[in-house]
N, C-alpha and C. Protein backbone atom coordinates (compact mmCIF):
# COMPACT_ATOMS: atom_id res chain seq x y z
N MET A 1 130.86 112.45 36.96
CA MET A 1 130.71 113.31 38.12
C MET A 1 131.49 112.74 39.30
N GLY A 2 131.49 111.41 39.41
CA GLY A 2 132.22 110.79 40.51
C GLY A 2 133.71 111.06 40.45
N GLY A 3 134.24 111.18 39.23
CA GLY A 3 135.65 111.48 39.08
C GLY A 3 135.99 112.90 39.48
N LEU A 4 135.04 113.81 39.37
CA LEU A 4 135.28 115.21 39.70
C LEU A 4 135.05 115.52 41.18
N VAL A 5 133.97 115.02 41.74
CA VAL A 5 133.61 115.35 43.12
C VAL A 5 133.65 114.13 44.04
N GLY A 6 134.05 112.98 43.55
CA GLY A 6 134.09 111.77 44.37
C GLY A 6 132.72 111.09 44.42
N TRP A 7 132.72 109.85 44.82
CA TRP A 7 131.46 109.10 44.82
C TRP A 7 130.49 109.66 45.86
N ARG A 8 130.98 110.18 46.96
CA ARG A 8 130.08 110.75 47.96
C ARG A 8 129.40 112.01 47.43
N GLY A 9 130.17 112.84 46.75
CA GLY A 9 129.60 114.04 46.16
C GLY A 9 128.55 113.72 45.11
N ALA A 10 128.84 112.71 44.28
CA ALA A 10 127.87 112.30 43.26
C ALA A 10 126.61 111.76 43.92
N PHE A 11 126.78 111.00 44.99
CA PHE A 11 125.63 110.46 45.71
C PHE A 11 124.77 111.59 46.27
N PHE A 12 125.40 112.58 46.87
CA PHE A 12 124.63 113.67 47.46
C PHE A 12 124.00 114.58 46.42
N CYS A 13 124.50 114.54 45.18
CA CYS A 13 123.83 115.28 44.10
C CYS A 13 122.54 114.57 43.69
N VAL A 14 122.48 113.27 43.90
CA VAL A 14 121.30 112.49 43.51
C VAL A 14 120.22 112.54 44.59
N VAL A 15 120.61 112.77 45.84
CA VAL A 15 119.65 112.78 46.95
C VAL A 15 118.51 113.78 46.74
N PRO A 16 118.77 115.04 46.34
CA PRO A 16 117.63 115.94 46.11
C PRO A 16 116.68 115.44 45.02
N LEU A 17 117.22 114.82 44.00
CA LEU A 17 116.37 114.26 42.95
C LEU A 17 115.48 113.15 43.52
N ALA A 18 116.04 112.32 44.38
CA ALA A 18 115.25 111.25 45.00
C ALA A 18 114.16 111.82 45.89
N VAL A 19 114.46 112.88 46.63
CA VAL A 19 113.46 113.51 47.50
C VAL A 19 112.33 114.11 46.67
N VAL A 20 112.68 114.80 45.58
CA VAL A 20 111.66 115.38 44.70
C VAL A 20 110.80 114.27 44.10
N THR A 21 111.42 113.17 43.71
CA THR A 21 110.67 112.04 43.14
C THR A 21 109.72 111.45 44.17
N LEU A 22 110.17 111.28 45.41
CA LEU A 22 109.32 110.75 46.46
C LEU A 22 108.13 111.67 46.72
N ILE A 23 108.37 112.96 46.80
CA ILE A 23 107.28 113.92 47.01
C ILE A 23 106.30 113.87 45.85
N TRP A 24 106.83 113.81 44.61
CA TRP A 24 105.96 113.75 43.43
C TRP A 24 105.09 112.50 43.46
N GLN A 25 105.68 111.36 43.83
CA GLN A 25 104.91 110.13 43.90
C GLN A 25 103.83 110.21 44.97
N CYS A 26 104.15 110.78 46.12
CA CYS A 26 103.15 110.91 47.19
C CYS A 26 101.99 111.80 46.77
N LEU A 27 102.28 112.81 45.97
CA LEU A 27 101.23 113.73 45.54
C LEU A 27 100.40 113.20 44.38
N THR A 28 100.98 112.39 43.52
CA THR A 28 100.28 112.00 42.29
C THR A 28 99.72 110.58 42.30
N LEU A 29 100.30 109.69 43.06
CA LEU A 29 99.80 108.31 43.05
C LEU A 29 98.65 108.16 44.02
N SER A 30 97.63 107.48 43.57
CA SER A 30 96.48 107.26 44.45
C SER A 30 96.72 106.02 45.32
N ALA A 31 96.03 105.98 46.43
CA ALA A 31 96.15 104.84 47.34
C ALA A 31 95.44 103.63 46.72
N VAL A 32 96.02 102.48 46.92
CA VAL A 32 95.42 101.25 46.42
C VAL A 32 94.89 100.48 47.63
N ALA A 33 93.59 100.29 47.66
CA ALA A 33 92.98 99.58 48.78
C ALA A 33 93.20 98.07 48.64
N SER A 34 93.52 97.42 49.73
CA SER A 34 93.69 95.97 49.69
C SER A 34 92.37 95.29 50.01
N ARG A 35 92.24 94.07 49.57
CA ARG A 35 90.99 93.32 49.82
C ARG A 35 90.84 92.97 51.29
N GLU A 36 91.98 92.67 51.91
CA GLU A 36 91.96 92.35 53.32
C GLU A 36 93.19 92.98 53.97
N PRO A 37 93.09 93.37 55.21
CA PRO A 37 94.23 94.03 55.85
C PRO A 37 95.42 93.08 56.02
N ILE A 38 96.60 93.62 55.81
CA ILE A 38 97.82 92.82 56.00
C ILE A 38 98.21 92.96 57.47
N GLN A 39 98.30 91.83 58.13
CA GLN A 39 98.48 91.88 59.57
C GLN A 39 99.92 91.60 60.00
N THR A 40 100.64 90.78 59.27
CA THR A 40 102.01 90.45 59.66
C THR A 40 102.91 90.46 58.43
N PRO A 41 104.19 90.61 58.64
CA PRO A 41 105.12 90.50 57.51
C PRO A 41 105.08 89.12 56.86
N MET A 42 104.69 88.11 57.60
CA MET A 42 104.62 86.75 57.04
C MET A 42 103.59 86.66 55.92
N VAL A 43 102.53 87.46 56.01
CA VAL A 43 101.52 87.48 54.95
C VAL A 43 102.16 88.00 53.66
N MET A 44 103.00 89.02 53.80
CA MET A 44 103.69 89.54 52.62
C MET A 44 104.64 88.49 52.03
N LEU A 45 105.36 87.79 52.90
CA LEU A 45 106.29 86.77 52.42
C LEU A 45 105.55 85.59 51.79
N ALA A 46 104.31 85.38 52.19
CA ALA A 46 103.52 84.29 51.61
C ALA A 46 103.27 84.51 50.12
N LEU A 47 103.38 85.75 49.68
CA LEU A 47 103.23 86.03 48.24
C LEU A 47 104.28 85.28 47.41
N LEU A 48 105.41 84.98 48.02
CA LEU A 48 106.47 84.28 47.29
C LEU A 48 106.07 82.85 46.92
N ARG A 49 105.01 82.34 47.51
CA ARG A 49 104.51 81.02 47.12
C ARG A 49 103.87 81.05 45.74
N ASN A 50 103.42 82.23 45.32
CA ASN A 50 102.86 82.39 43.98
C ASN A 50 104.02 82.36 42.99
N ARG A 51 104.02 81.40 42.11
CA ARG A 51 105.15 81.18 41.20
C ARG A 51 105.43 82.40 40.33
N HIS A 52 104.41 83.02 39.76
CA HIS A 52 104.61 84.18 38.88
C HIS A 52 105.19 85.36 39.66
N PHE A 53 104.71 85.56 40.87
CA PHE A 53 105.23 86.64 41.70
C PHE A 53 106.70 86.38 42.05
N ALA A 54 107.02 85.15 42.44
CA ALA A 54 108.39 84.81 42.82
C ALA A 54 109.35 84.98 41.65
N ILE A 55 108.94 84.55 40.46
CA ILE A 55 109.80 84.70 39.28
C ILE A 55 109.99 86.18 38.95
N GLY A 56 108.93 86.95 39.06
CA GLY A 56 109.03 88.39 38.81
C GLY A 56 109.97 89.07 39.78
N MET A 57 109.87 88.73 41.06
CA MET A 57 110.76 89.32 42.07
C MET A 57 112.20 88.90 41.84
N LEU A 58 112.41 87.65 41.45
CA LEU A 58 113.76 87.17 41.15
C LEU A 58 114.34 87.92 39.95
N ALA A 59 113.52 88.15 38.93
CA ALA A 59 113.98 88.87 37.75
C ALA A 59 114.38 90.30 38.10
N VAL A 60 113.58 90.97 38.92
CA VAL A 60 113.91 92.33 39.34
C VAL A 60 115.19 92.33 40.17
N LEU A 61 115.31 91.38 41.09
CA LEU A 61 116.51 91.28 41.93
C LEU A 61 117.76 91.09 41.07
N LEU A 62 117.71 90.15 40.14
CA LEU A 62 118.87 89.88 39.29
C LEU A 62 119.19 91.05 38.37
N SER A 63 118.17 91.73 37.90
CA SER A 63 118.38 92.90 37.04
C SER A 63 119.13 94.00 37.77
N PHE A 64 118.68 94.34 38.96
CA PHE A 64 119.34 95.41 39.72
C PHE A 64 120.72 94.98 40.20
N MET A 65 120.84 93.74 40.67
CA MET A 65 122.16 93.25 41.09
C MET A 65 123.14 93.27 39.93
N GLY A 66 122.68 92.86 38.77
CA GLY A 66 123.54 92.84 37.60
C GLY A 66 124.01 94.23 37.21
N GLN A 67 123.11 95.18 37.26
CA GLN A 67 123.49 96.54 36.88
C GLN A 67 124.49 97.13 37.88
N PHE A 68 124.25 96.96 39.17
CA PHE A 68 125.19 97.49 40.16
C PHE A 68 126.55 96.78 40.07
N THR A 69 126.53 95.48 39.83
CA THR A 69 127.77 94.74 39.67
C THR A 69 128.52 95.23 38.44
N LEU A 70 127.79 95.46 37.37
CA LEU A 70 128.42 95.96 36.14
C LEU A 70 129.12 97.29 36.40
N PHE A 71 128.44 98.22 37.05
CA PHE A 71 129.05 99.52 37.32
C PHE A 71 130.26 99.38 38.24
N THR A 72 130.19 98.47 39.21
CA THR A 72 131.28 98.31 40.18
C THR A 72 132.55 97.81 39.52
N TYR A 73 132.43 96.82 38.63
CA TYR A 73 133.62 96.21 38.05
C TYR A 73 133.99 96.78 36.69
N LEU A 74 133.07 97.44 36.03
CA LEU A 74 133.35 97.96 34.71
C LEU A 74 134.30 99.15 34.76
N ARG A 75 134.11 100.03 35.72
CA ARG A 75 134.98 101.22 35.80
C ARG A 75 136.45 100.86 35.98
N PRO A 76 136.82 100.03 37.00
CA PRO A 76 138.24 99.70 37.13
C PRO A 76 138.79 98.99 35.89
N PHE A 77 137.98 98.12 35.28
CA PHE A 77 138.44 97.42 34.08
C PHE A 77 138.71 98.40 32.95
N LEU A 78 137.77 99.30 32.71
CA LEU A 78 137.95 100.24 31.61
C LEU A 78 139.09 101.22 31.87
N GLU A 79 139.28 101.64 33.11
CA GLU A 79 140.37 102.57 33.42
C GLU A 79 141.74 101.90 33.34
N GLN A 80 141.86 100.70 33.93
CA GLN A 80 143.16 100.07 34.07
C GLN A 80 143.56 99.22 32.87
N VAL A 81 142.61 98.51 32.30
CA VAL A 81 142.95 97.59 31.21
C VAL A 81 142.90 98.28 29.85
N THR A 82 141.84 99.00 29.58
CA THR A 82 141.70 99.62 28.26
C THR A 82 142.25 101.04 28.20
N GLY A 83 142.49 101.67 29.36
CA GLY A 83 143.07 103.00 29.38
C GLY A 83 142.11 104.11 28.99
N VAL A 84 140.83 103.90 29.20
CA VAL A 84 139.83 104.92 28.87
C VAL A 84 139.99 106.10 29.81
N ASN A 85 139.93 107.33 29.28
CA ASN A 85 140.06 108.51 30.14
C ASN A 85 138.74 108.78 30.86
N LEU A 86 138.79 109.70 31.82
CA LEU A 86 137.64 109.93 32.71
C LEU A 86 136.40 110.43 31.98
N SER A 87 136.57 111.34 31.02
CA SER A 87 135.39 111.88 30.33
C SER A 87 134.75 110.81 29.44
N MET A 88 135.54 109.99 28.78
CA MET A 88 134.98 108.92 27.95
C MET A 88 134.32 107.86 28.83
N LEU A 89 134.94 107.56 29.97
CA LEU A 89 134.36 106.60 30.90
C LEU A 89 133.01 107.08 31.40
N SER A 90 132.92 108.36 31.74
CA SER A 90 131.66 108.93 32.21
C SER A 90 130.58 108.80 31.14
N ALA A 91 130.93 109.10 29.90
CA ALA A 91 129.97 108.98 28.80
C ALA A 91 129.53 107.54 28.62
N MET A 92 130.46 106.61 28.71
CA MET A 92 130.11 105.19 28.54
C MET A 92 129.18 104.71 29.65
N LEU A 93 129.49 105.08 30.89
CA LEU A 93 128.64 104.65 32.01
C LEU A 93 127.27 105.32 31.95
N LEU A 94 127.23 106.55 31.46
CA LEU A 94 125.94 107.22 31.27
C LEU A 94 125.09 106.47 30.25
N ILE A 95 125.70 106.04 29.17
CA ILE A 95 124.98 105.29 28.15
C ILE A 95 124.47 103.96 28.71
N VAL A 96 125.32 103.28 29.49
CA VAL A 96 124.88 102.01 30.11
C VAL A 96 123.71 102.26 31.06
N GLY A 97 123.78 103.33 31.84
CA GLY A 97 122.69 103.66 32.76
C GLY A 97 121.41 104.02 32.04
N LEU A 98 121.53 104.77 30.94
CA LEU A 98 120.34 105.15 30.18
C LEU A 98 119.70 103.95 29.50
N THR A 99 120.51 103.02 29.03
CA THR A 99 119.92 101.81 28.43
C THR A 99 119.22 100.98 29.49
N GLY A 100 119.75 100.97 30.72
CA GLY A 100 119.06 100.28 31.82
C GLY A 100 117.76 100.95 32.16
N LEU A 101 117.74 102.28 32.11
CA LEU A 101 116.51 103.02 32.36
C LEU A 101 115.51 102.76 31.25
N TYR A 102 115.96 102.77 30.01
CA TYR A 102 115.08 102.54 28.86
C TYR A 102 114.45 101.15 28.95
N ARG A 103 115.20 100.20 29.46
CA ARG A 103 114.70 98.83 29.57
C ARG A 103 113.51 98.76 30.50
N HIS A 104 113.44 99.66 31.49
CA HIS A 104 112.35 99.61 32.47
C HIS A 104 111.17 100.49 32.09
N ILE A 105 111.25 101.20 30.98
CA ILE A 105 110.13 102.02 30.53
C ILE A 105 109.20 101.15 29.70
N PRO A 106 107.92 101.05 30.06
CA PRO A 106 107.02 100.21 29.29
C PRO A 106 106.82 100.72 27.86
N CYS A 107 106.87 99.81 26.92
CA CYS A 107 106.66 100.17 25.51
C CYS A 107 105.20 99.89 25.14
N ARG A 108 104.67 100.74 24.30
CA ARG A 108 103.27 100.54 23.90
C ARG A 108 103.18 100.09 22.48
């Protein structure tokens, strides 16, 4: 899609989906009460002292950074070095994105 309408056009096609998702989450997710009120942002940052929490946050950070980095550098490499055409490139990036999505779906 980015090759047809540009990256800005592709981005703006995703915005309505994000808005619908946000509305759906607001309507369907219940509020989670905390044990004690959070008073400052420092209390939130104090969670990073918990080793399991810090490792989990680092894993999420590296996962998302890795995926965005992959998309950023993979397209020029595939276009310029391997000579992949636009439709094949789109299919390949879609597959990479879907595998990233599948990775985040909990398995039972």
